[in-house]
């Protein structure tokens, strides 16, 4: 989930916030050191197109990161290696007339599962939300977040407008339910282009997946497949990594209100509305 714009992410990644600062409703960033870095060394290690990398990366990537290629399947990767491996493909994807998002998110999920575990970071209480989020890296069009959730806490229903993503469980377990917008009148919406129901009207969503993610298991979504989801931490809580690729500067999430009672149980259809 990403409840702020890419401009706000960039600003957030450039300087530390005051302790407890809320940057969006219900979202408090738990920060580690964020550094402005040029990734020439990392790029050289993983080949030419990535040499243009610039952006921000948290303490996840250390000076001890191995200077090598992405390596064989199963080898662990540092954040800079992951970004350098995927950013050229991300740029190609968002520039394509007919982007193959499925192949891209599948490749991203495979690499993300090899990401070197981060050093533990302390999650403070964040009120009723029960979860906290950290900007791990921001190299447009890619952004990486770390999330920690208390047992049973929820990240409520929301969409992913103008971006796709991979959600990886790194500790504990979480329930991830995905949904797509459906039109009862048969009207076709270009969801990938950001065409969605009006802000002031009810609409319908259909549940497409209901998964329990455990360590190193991931869930993917594209701009028009499984684009809405709801996340609930397991009995021992969980840690997650969110990997997003933005197609537009306006990429962000919008929360959705629902009563969690299907109007069509067999089809898994729910009546919902955008949260105002």
C-alpha atoms as a PDB file:
ATOM      1  CA  UNK A   1       0.000   0.000   0.000  1.00  0.00           C
ATOM      2  CA  UNK A   2       1.158   3.521  -0.679  1.00  0.00           C
ATOM      3  CA  UNK A   3      -1.076   6.280   0.610  1.00  0.00           C
ATOM      4  CA  UNK A   4       1.117   9.150  -0.531  1.00  0.00           C
ATOM      5  CA  UNK A   5       2.461  10.413  -3.832  1.00  0.00           C
ATOM      6  CA  UNK A   6       5.883   9.728  -5.288  1.00  0.00           C
ATOM      7  CA  UNK A   7       6.817  13.335  -4.572  1.00  0.00           C
ATOM      8  CA  UNK A   8       6.038  12.749  -0.907  1.00  0.00           C
ATOM      9  CA  UNK A   9       8.048   9.515  -0.943  1.00  0.00           C
ATOM     10  CA  UNK A  10      11.051  11.334  -2.386  1.00  0.00           C
ATOM     11  CA  UNK A  11      10.792  14.057   0.217  1.00  0.00           C
ATOM     12  CA  UNK A  12      10.427  11.425   2.921  1.00  0.00           C
ATOM     13  CA  UNK A  13      13.491   9.568   1.689  1.00  0.00           C
ATOM     14  CA  UNK A  14      15.738  12.643   1.706  1.00  0.00           C
ATOM     15  CA  UNK A  15      15.559  13.585   5.357  1.00  0.00           C
ATOM     16  CA  UNK A  16      14.529  12.129   8.685  1.00  0.00           C
ATOM     17  CA  UNK A  17      11.157  13.024  10.129  1.00  0.00           C
ATOM     18  CA  UNK A  18      10.484  13.955  13.697  1.00  0.00           C
ATOM     19  CA  UNK A  19       9.699  11.007  15.937  1.00  0.00           C
ATOM     20  CA  UNK A  20       6.121   9.870  15.515  1.00  0.00           C
ATOM     21  CA  UNK A  21       5.351  12.104  12.530  1.00  0.00           C
ATOM     22  CA  UNK A  22       2.250  10.959  10.665  1.00  0.00           C
ATOM     23  CA  UNK A  23       2.706  11.371   6.912  1.00  0.00           C
ATOM     24  CA  UNK A  24      -0.726  10.053   5.941  1.00  0.00           C
ATOM     25  CA  UNK A  25      -3.867   9.127   7.864  1.00  0.00           C
ATOM     26  CA  UNK A  26      -2.967   6.157  10.045  1.00  0.00           C
ATOM     27  CA  UNK A  27       0.552   5.840   8.608  1.00  0.00           C
ATOM     28  CA  UNK A  28       3.534   6.658  10.814  1.00  0.00           C
ATOM     29  CA  UNK A  29       7.014   6.145   9.404  1.00  0.00           C
ATOM     30  CA  UNK A  30       9.531   4.352  11.653  1.00  0.00           C
ATOM     31  CA  UNK A  31      12.792   5.610  10.224  1.00  0.00           C
ATOM     32  CA  UNK A  32      16.286   4.349  10.019  1.00  0.00           C
ATOM     33  CA  UNK A  33      19.066   6.310   8.338  1.00  0.00           C
ATOM     34  CA  UNK A  34      18.224   7.153   4.726  1.00  0.00           C
ATOM     35  CA  UNK A  35      21.170   8.108   2.545  1.00  0.00           C
ATOM     36  CA  UNK A  36      21.386   9.833  -0.816  1.00  0.00           C
ATOM     37  CA  UNK A  37      23.768   7.610  -2.792  1.00  0.00           C
ATOM     38  CA  UNK A  38      25.022   7.055  -6.303  1.00  0.00           C
ATOM     39  CA  UNK A  39      25.079   3.363  -7.087  1.00  0.00           C
ATOM     40  CA  UNK A  40      28.012   3.332  -9.485  1.00  0.00           C
ATOM     41  CA  UNK A  41      29.772   0.516  -7.667  1.00  0.00           C
ATOM     42  CA  UNK A  42      26.685  -1.639  -7.408  1.00  0.00           C
ATOM     43  CA  UNK A  43      25.732  -0.907 -10.988  1.00  0.00           C
ATOM     44  CA  UNK A  44      29.162  -1.851 -12.268  1.00  0.00           C
ATOM     45  CA  UNK A  45      28.796  -5.127 -10.443  1.00  0.00           C
ATOM     46  CA  UNK A  46      25.592  -6.055 -12.202  1.00  0.00           C
ATOM     47  CA  UNK A  47      26.185  -4.556 -15.691  1.00  0.00           C
ATOM     48  CA  UNK A  48      25.861  -1.483 -17.800  1.00  0.00           C
ATOM     49  CA  UNK A  49      22.246  -0.217 -18.019  1.00  0.00           C
ATOM     50  CA  UNK A  50      22.022  -0.032 -14.237  1.00  0.00           C
ATOM     51  CA  UNK A  51      24.914   2.443 -14.117  1.00  0.00           C
ATOM     52  CA  UNK A  52      22.435   5.312 -14.205  1.00  0.00           C
ATOM     53  CA  UNK A  53      20.996   4.413 -10.802  1.00  0.00           C
ATOM     54  CA  UNK A  54      20.416   7.305  -8.419  1.00  0.00           C
ATOM     55  CA  UNK A  55      18.099   7.419  -5.475  1.00  0.00           C
ATOM     56  CA  UNK A  56      17.799   6.703  -1.777  1.00  0.00           C
ATOM     57  CA  UNK A  57      18.431   3.532   0.181  1.00  0.00           C
ATOM     58  CA  UNK A  58      18.114   2.784   3.875  1.00  0.00           C
ATOM     59  CA  UNK A  59      20.496   0.942   6.167  1.00  0.00           C
ATOM     60  CA  UNK A  60      19.412  -2.317   4.523  1.00  0.00           C
ATOM     61  CA  UNK A  61      22.331  -1.934   2.079  1.00  0.00           C
ATOM     62  CA  UNK A  62      25.630  -1.841   3.920  1.00  0.00           C
ATOM     63  CA  UNK A  63      29.208  -1.194   2.881  1.00  0.00           C
ATOM     64  CA  UNK A  64      29.725  -4.920   3.269  1.00  0.00           C
ATOM     65  CA  UNK A  65      27.495  -5.748   0.327  1.00  0.00           C
ATOM     66  CA  UNK A  66      29.297  -8.148  -1.954  1.00  0.00           C
ATOM     67  CA  UNK A  67      30.503  -6.668  -5.214  1.00  0.00           C
ATOM     68  CA  UNK A  68      29.253  -9.320  -7.551  1.00  0.00           C
ATOM     69  CA  UNK A  69      26.514 -10.056 -10.045  1.00  0.00           C
ATOM     70  CA  UNK A  70      23.041 -11.220  -9.116  1.00  0.00           C
ATOM     71  CA  UNK A  71      24.462 -14.727  -8.896  1.00  0.00           C
ATOM     72  CA  UNK A  72      22.875 -18.113  -9.194  1.00  0.00           C
ATOM     73  CA  UNK A  73      19.306 -18.849  -8.226  1.00  0.00           C
ATOM     74  CA  UNK A  74      19.014 -19.068  -4.461  1.00  0.00           C
ATOM     75  CA  UNK A  75      21.942 -16.731  -3.696  1.00  0.00           C
ATOM     76  CA  UNK A  76      21.071 -13.937  -1.308  1.00  0.00           C
ATOM     77  CA  UNK A  77      20.974 -10.382  -2.682  1.00  0.00           C
ATOM     78  CA  UNK A  78      21.483  -6.935  -1.213  1.00  0.00           C
ATOM     79  CA  UNK A  79      19.035  -4.137  -1.902  1.00  0.00           C
ATOM     80  CA  UNK A  80      21.351  -2.348  -4.351  1.00  0.00           C
ATOM     81  CA  UNK A  81      21.824  -5.560  -6.320  1.00  0.00           C
ATOM     82  CA  UNK A  82      18.072  -6.111  -6.474  1.00  0.00           C
ATOM     83  CA  UNK A  83      17.383  -2.566  -7.668  1.00  0.00           C
ATOM     84  CA  UNK A  84      20.222  -2.662 -10.196  1.00  0.00           C
ATOM     85  CA  UNK A  85      18.922  -5.953 -11.593  1.00  0.00           C
ATOM     86  CA  UNK A  86      15.296  -4.818 -11.904  1.00  0.00           C
ATOM     87  CA  UNK A  87      15.412  -1.100 -12.652  1.00  0.00           C
ATOM     88  CA  UNK A  88      16.346  -1.379 -16.355  1.00  0.00           C
ATOM     89  CA  UNK A  89      13.503  -3.849 -16.826  1.00  0.00           C
ATOM     90  CA  UNK A  90      11.148  -1.553 -14.901  1.00  0.00           C
ATOM     91  CA  UNK A  91      11.973   1.360 -17.197  1.00  0.00           C
ATOM     92  CA  UNK A  92      11.417  -0.816 -20.245  1.00  0.00           C
ATOM     93  CA  UNK A  93       8.099  -1.990 -18.798  1.00  0.00           C
ATOM     94  CA  UNK A  94       6.604   1.426 -18.147  1.00  0.00           C
ATOM     95  CA  UNK A  95       7.731   2.674 -21.564  1.00  0.00           C
ATOM     96  CA  UNK A  96       6.163  -0.208 -23.496  1.00  0.00           C
ATOM     97  CA  UNK A  97       2.983   0.189 -25.553  1.00  0.00           C
ATOM     98  CA  UNK A  98       1.737  -3.155 -24.243  1.00  0.00           C
ATOM     99  CA  UNK A  99       3.623  -3.821 -20.989  1.00  0.00           C
ATOM    100  CA  UNK A 100       3.906  -7.445 -19.885  1.00  0.00           C
ATOM    101  CA  UNK A 101       3.273  -6.881 -16.203  1.00  0.00           C
ATOM    102  CA  UNK A 102       2.780 -10.560 -15.411  1.00  0.00           C
ATOM    103  CA  UNK A 103       6.287 -11.561 -16.488  1.00  0.00           C
ATOM    104  CA  UNK A 104       7.731  -8.553 -14.706  1.00  0.00           C
ATOM    105  CA  UNK A 105       6.090  -9.112 -11.309  1.00  0.00           C
ATOM    106  CA  UNK A 106       6.914 -12.839 -11.506  1.00  0.00           C
ATOM    107  CA  UNK A 107      10.596 -12.002 -12.071  1.00  0.00           C
ATOM    108  CA  UNK A 108      10.512  -9.406  -9.300  1.00  0.00           C
ATOM    109  CA  UNK A 109       8.977 -11.925  -6.886  1.00  0.00           C
ATOM    110  CA  UNK A 110      11.717 -14.459  -7.628  1.00  0.00           C
ATOM    111  CA  UNK A 111      14.477 -11.934  -6.951  1.00  0.00           C
ATOM    112  CA  UNK A 112      12.741 -10.433  -3.940  1.00  0.00           C
ATOM    113  CA  UNK A 113      12.640 -13.847  -2.262  1.00  0.00           C
ATOM    114  CA  UNK A 114      16.475 -13.776  -2.331  1.00  0.00           C
ATOM    115  CA  UNK A 115      16.787 -10.384  -0.630  1.00  0.00           C
ATOM    116  CA  UNK A 116      19.186 -10.427   2.316  1.00  0.00           C
ATOM    117  CA  UNK A 117      17.206 -10.089   5.566  1.00  0.00           C
ATOM    118  CA  UNK A 118      17.421  -6.609   7.002  1.00  0.00           C
ATOM    119  CA  UNK A 119      18.804  -5.753  10.394  1.00  0.00           C
ATOM    120  CA  UNK A 120      15.956  -5.703  12.930  1.00  0.00           C
ATOM    121  CA  UNK A 121      14.308  -2.331  13.412  1.00  0.00           C
ATOM    122  CA  UNK A 122      12.163  -1.369  16.336  1.00  0.00           C
ATOM    123  CA  UNK A 123       8.469  -0.834  15.666  1.00  0.00           C
ATOM    124  CA  UNK A 124       6.837   1.511  18.113  1.00  0.00           C
ATOM    125  CA  UNK A 125       3.130   1.552  18.833  1.00  0.00           C
ATOM    126  CA  UNK A 126       1.141   3.351  16.150  1.00  0.00           C
ATOM    127  CA  UNK A 127      -2.224   3.665  17.819  1.00  0.00           C
ATOM    128  CA  UNK A 128      -5.109   1.587  16.598  1.00  0.00           C
ATOM    129  CA  UNK A 129      -3.474   0.601  13.313  1.00  0.00           C
ATOM    130  CA  UNK A 130      -1.074  -1.860  14.934  1.00  0.00           C
ATOM    131  CA  UNK A 131       1.417  -1.643  12.079  1.00  0.00           C
ATOM    132  CA  UNK A 132       4.367   0.489  11.066  1.00  0.00           C
ATOM    133  CA  UNK A 133       6.146   1.132   7.780  1.00  0.00           C
ATOM    134  CA  UNK A 134       9.672   2.097   6.723  1.00  0.00           C
ATOM    135  CA  UNK A 135      10.900   3.413   3.377  1.00  0.00           C
ATOM    136  CA  UNK A 136      13.702   0.963   2.569  1.00  0.00           C
ATOM    137  CA  UNK A 137      14.700   2.273  -0.884  1.00  0.00           C
ATOM    138  CA  UNK A 138      13.449   4.677  -3.529  1.00  0.00           C
ATOM    139  CA  UNK A 139      14.913   4.554  -7.032  1.00  0.00           C
ATOM    140  CA  UNK A 140      12.210   5.723  -9.469  1.00  0.00           C
ATOM    141  CA  UNK A 141      10.190   4.026 -10.762  1.00  0.00           C
ATOM    142  CA  UNK A 142      10.855   1.474  -7.981  1.00  0.00           C
ATOM    143  CA  UNK A 143      10.106   1.891  -4.283  1.00  0.00           C
ATOM    144  CA  UNK A 144      10.660  -0.652  -1.513  1.00  0.00           C
ATOM    145  CA  UNK A 145       8.960  -0.598   1.904  1.00  0.00           C
ATOM    146  CA  UNK A 146       9.400  -2.671   5.060  1.00  0.00           C
ATOM    147  CA  UNK A 147       6.294  -3.288   7.177  1.00  0.00           C
ATOM    148  CA  UNK A 148       5.837  -4.759  10.635  1.00  0.00           C
ATOM    149  CA  UNK A 149       2.414  -5.754  11.930  1.00  0.00           C
ATOM    150  CA  UNK A 150       1.248  -6.642  15.408  1.00  0.00           C
ATOM    151  CA  UNK A 151      -0.680  -9.927  15.833  1.00  0.00           C
ATOM    152  CA  UNK A 152      -4.126  -9.648  14.280  1.00  0.00           C
ATOM    153  CA  UNK A 153      -3.607  -6.097  12.981  1.00  0.00           C
ATOM    154  CA  UNK A 154      -4.998  -5.149   9.588  1.00  0.00           C
ATOM    155  CA  UNK A 155      -4.073  -2.980   6.652  1.00  0.00           C
ATOM    156  CA  UNK A 156      -7.504  -2.166   5.362  1.00  0.00           C
ATOM    157  CA  UNK A 157      -8.853  -2.612   1.866  1.00  0.00           C
ATOM    158  CA  UNK A 158      -7.118  -0.382  -0.702  1.00  0.00           C
ATOM    159  CA  UNK A 159      -6.228  -0.223  -4.395  1.00  0.00           C
ATOM    160  CA  UNK A 160      -2.887   0.274  -6.190  1.00  0.00           C
ATOM    161  CA  UNK A 161      -3.566   2.921  -8.810  1.00  0.00           C
ATOM    162  CA  UNK A 162      -0.983   3.327 -11.592  1.00  0.00           C
ATOM    163  CA  UNK A 163       1.435   0.794 -10.101  1.00  0.00           C
ATOM    164  CA  UNK A 164       1.997  -2.926  -9.663  1.00  0.00           C
ATOM    165  CA  UNK A 165       3.547  -4.750  -6.757  1.00  0.00           C
ATOM    166  CA  UNK A 166       4.944  -7.758  -4.955  1.00  0.00           C
ATOM    167  CA  UNK A 167       4.190  -8.366  -1.272  1.00  0.00           C
ATOM    168  CA  UNK A 168       6.711 -10.696   0.393  1.00  0.00           C
ATOM    169  CA  UNK A 169       6.349 -12.176   3.870  1.00  0.00           C
ATOM    170  CA  UNK A 170       9.705 -12.216   5.679  1.00  0.00           C
ATOM    171  CA  UNK A 171       8.587 -13.202   9.199  1.00  0.00           C
ATOM    172  CA  UNK A 172       5.486 -14.801  10.692  1.00  0.00           C
ATOM    173  CA  UNK A 173       2.427 -15.102   8.490  1.00  0.00           C
ATOM    174  CA  UNK A 174      -0.276 -12.907   7.011  1.00  0.00           C
ATOM    175  CA  UNK A 175      -3.589 -13.381   5.263  1.00  0.00           C
ATOM    176  CA  UNK A 176      -3.780 -11.540   1.939  1.00  0.00           C
ATOM    177  CA  UNK A 177      -7.142 -11.263   0.173  1.00  0.00           C
ATOM    178  CA  UNK A 178      -7.246  -9.830  -3.360  1.00  0.00           C
ATOM    179  CA  UNK A 179     -10.131  -8.315  -5.284  1.00  0.00           C
ATOM    180  CA  UNK A 180     -10.975  -6.825  -8.673  1.00  0.00           C
ATOM    181  CA  UNK A 181     -13.555  -4.177  -9.548  1.00  0.00           C
ATOM    182  CA  UNK A 182     -16.589  -5.558 -11.385  1.00  0.00           C
ATOM    183  CA  UNK A 183     -19.305  -3.607 -13.162  1.00  0.00           C
ATOM    184  CA  UNK A 184     -22.851  -4.878 -12.730  1.00  0.00           C
ATOM    185  CA  UNK A 185     -24.016  -2.971 -15.825  1.00  0.00           C
ATOM    186  CA  UNK A 186     -21.397  -4.641 -18.014  1.00  0.00           C
ATOM    187  CA  UNK A 187     -19.464  -1.418 -18.549  1.00  0.00           C
ATOM    188  CA  UNK A 188     -15.760  -2.000 -19.139  1.00  0.00           C
ATOM    189  CA  UNK A 189     -13.367   0.183 -17.173  1.00  0.00           C
ATOM    190  CA  UNK A 190      -9.724   0.626 -18.170  1.00  0.00           C
ATOM    191  CA  UNK A 191      -8.423  -0.064 -14.668  1.00  0.00           C
ATOM    192  CA  UNK A 192      -4.791  -0.141 -15.823  1.00  0.00           C
ATOM    193  CA  UNK A 193      -5.177   3.431 -17.069  1.00  0.00           C
ATOM    194  CA  UNK A 194      -6.667   4.501 -13.744  1.00  0.00           C
ATOM    195  CA  UNK A 195     -10.320   4.493 -14.825  1.00  0.00           C
ATOM    196  CA  UNK A 196     -12.287   3.619 -11.681  1.00  0.00           C
ATOM    197  CA  UNK A 197     -15.802   4.174 -10.291  1.00  0.00           C
ATOM    198  CA  UNK A 198     -16.633   7.704  -9.180  1.00  0.00           C
ATOM    199  CA  UNK A 199     -15.638   8.847  -5.709  1.00  0.00           C
ATOM    200  CA  UNK A 200     -19.244   9.429  -4.612  1.00  0.00           C
ATOM    201  CA  UNK A 201     -20.829   6.156  -5.764  1.00  0.00           C
ATOM    202  CA  UNK A 202     -20.970   2.606  -4.458  1.00  0.00           C
ATOM    203  CA  UNK A 203     -19.400  -0.067  -6.633  1.00  0.00           C
ATOM    204  CA  UNK A 204     -18.658  -3.781  -6.574  1.00  0.00           C
ATOM    205  CA  UNK A 205     -15.559  -5.897  -6.117  1.00  0.00           C
ATOM    206  CA  UNK A 206     -15.058  -9.646  -6.497  1.00  0.00           C
ATOM    207  CA  UNK A 207     -12.633 -11.621  -4.353  1.00  0.00           C
ATOM    208  CA  UNK A 208     -10.046 -13.299  -6.573  1.00  0.00           C
ATOM    209  CA  UNK A 209      -7.594 -14.751  -4.033  1.00  0.00           C
ATOM    210  CA  UNK A 210      -7.402 -15.612  -0.341  1.00  0.00           C
ATOM    211  CA  UNK A 211      -3.844 -16.616   0.580  1.00  0.00           C
ATOM    212  CA  UNK A 212      -1.881 -17.266   3.751  1.00  0.00           C
ATOM    213  CA  UNK A 213       1.640 -15.969   3.180  1.00  0.00           C
ATOM    214  CA  UNK A 214       4.431 -17.421   5.278  1.00  0.00           C
ATOM    215  CA  UNK A 215       8.152 -16.674   5.195  1.00  0.00           C
ATOM    216  CA  UNK A 216       9.508 -16.231   1.637  1.00  0.00           C
ATOM    217  CA  UNK A 217       6.030 -16.566   0.108  1.00  0.00           C
ATOM    218  CA  UNK A 218       4.735 -13.655  -1.939  1.00  0.00           C
ATOM    219  CA  UNK A 219       1.626 -12.241  -3.553  1.00  0.00           C
ATOM    220  CA  UNK A 220       1.690 -10.242  -6.787  1.00  0.00           C
ATOM    221  CA  UNK A 221      -0.716  -7.781  -8.348  1.00  0.00           C
ATOM    222  CA  UNK A 222      -0.792  -5.712 -11.526  1.00  0.00           C
ATOM    223  CA  UNK A 223      -2.615  -2.534 -12.456  1.00  0.00           C
ATOM    224  CA  UNK A 224      -5.634  -4.559 -13.605  1.00  0.00           C
ATOM    225  CA  UNK A 225      -5.301  -7.961 -11.875  1.00  0.00           C
ATOM    226  CA  UNK A 226      -5.896  -8.519  -8.147  1.00  0.00           C
ATOM    227  CA  UNK A 227      -5.294  -4.775  -7.769  1.00  0.00           C
ATOM    228  CA  UNK A 228      -7.207  -4.363  -4.506  1.00  0.00           C
ATOM    229  CA  UNK A 229      -6.172  -6.184  -1.361  1.00  0.00           C
ATOM    230  CA  UNK A 230      -6.702  -6.508   2.392  1.00  0.00           C
ATOM    231  CA  UNK A 231      -3.935  -7.706   4.727  1.00  0.00           C
ATOM    232  CA  UNK A 232      -4.288  -9.248   8.183  1.00  0.00           C
ATOM    233  CA  UNK A 233      -1.360 -10.318  10.367  1.00  0.00           C
ATOM    234  CA  UNK A 234      -1.313 -13.817  11.836  1.00  0.00           C
ATOM    235  CA  UNK A 235      -1.399 -14.716  15.541  1.00  0.00           C
ATOM    236  CA  UNK A 236       2.312 -13.962  15.990  1.00  0.00           C
ATOM    237  CA  UNK A 237       2.368 -10.840  13.823  1.00  0.00           C
ATOM    238  CA  UNK A 238       4.468 -10.546  10.674  1.00  0.00           C
ATOM    239  CA  UNK A 239       7.125  -8.634   8.776  1.00  0.00           C
ATOM    240  CA  UNK A 240       6.581  -7.828   5.108  1.00  0.00           C
ATOM    241  CA  UNK A 241       8.451  -6.267   2.210  1.00  0.00           C
ATOM    242  CA  UNK A 242       6.459  -4.322  -0.392  1.00  0.00           C
ATOM    243  CA  UNK A 243       8.021  -3.817  -3.848  1.00  0.00           C
ATOM    244  CA  UNK A 244       6.270  -1.336  -6.166  1.00  0.00           C
ATOM    245  CA  UNK A 245       6.845  -0.093  -9.713  1.00  0.00           C
ATOM    246  CA  UNK A 246       5.192   3.204 -10.653  1.00  0.00           C
ATOM    247  CA  UNK A 247       3.816   3.875 -14.122  1.00  0.00           C
ATOM    248  CA  UNK A 248       2.941   7.515 -13.382  1.00  0.00           C
ATOM    249  CA  UNK A 249       4.048  10.189 -10.904  1.00  0.00           C
ATOM    250  CA  UNK A 250       0.513  10.136  -9.504  1.00  0.00           C
ATOM    251  CA  UNK A 251       0.754   6.488  -8.441  1.00  0.00           C
ATOM    252  CA  UNK A 252      -0.760   5.885  -5.007  1.00  0.00           C
ATOM    253  CA  UNK A 253      -3.357   3.892  -3.058  1.00  0.00           C
ATOM    254  CA  UNK A 254      -6.887   4.822  -2.044  1.00  0.00           C
ATOM    255  CA  UNK A 255      -8.687   3.207   0.872  1.00  0.00           C
ATOM    256  CA  UNK A 256     -12.023   1.473   0.423  1.00  0.00           C
ATOM    257  CA  UNK A 257     -14.902   1.128   2.896  1.00  0.00           C
ATOM    258  CA  UNK A 258     -16.847  -2.128   3.168  1.00  0.00           C
ATOM    259  CA  UNK A 259     -18.753  -4.132   5.768  1.00  0.00           C
ATOM    260  CA  UNK A 260     -17.028  -7.417   4.799  1.00  0.00           C
ATOM    261  CA  UNK A 261     -20.416  -9.020   4.100  1.00  0.00           C
ATOM    262  CA  UNK A 262     -20.740 -10.331   0.523  1.00  0.00           C
ATOM    263  CA  UNK A 263     -23.872  -9.475  -1.417  1.00  0.00           C
ATOM    264  CA  UNK A 264     -23.229 -12.618  -3.476  1.00  0.00           C
ATOM    265  CA  UNK A 265     -21.459 -15.216  -1.343  1.00  0.00           C
ATOM    266  CA  UNK A 266     -21.089 -17.762  -4.143  1.00  0.00           C
ATOM    267  CA  UNK A 267     -19.384 -15.253  -6.448  1.00  0.00           C
ATOM    268  CA  UNK A 268     -17.540 -13.460  -3.641  1.00  0.00           C
ATOM    269  CA  UNK A 269     -18.955 -10.052  -4.603  1.00  0.00           C
ATOM    270  CA  UNK A 270     -19.009  -7.122  -2.157  1.00  0.00           C
ATOM    271  CA  UNK A 271     -20.544  -3.656  -2.293  1.00  0.00           C
ATOM    272  CA  UNK A 272     -17.934  -1.014  -1.417  1.00  0.00           C
ATOM    273  CA  UNK A 273     -17.157   2.701  -1.696  1.00  0.00           C
ATOM    274  CA  UNK A 274     -14.069   4.892  -1.702  1.00  0.00           C
ATOM    275  CA  UNK A 275     -13.159   6.187   1.748  1.00  0.00           C
ATOM    276  CA  UNK A 276     -13.556   9.949   1.976  1.00  0.00           C
END
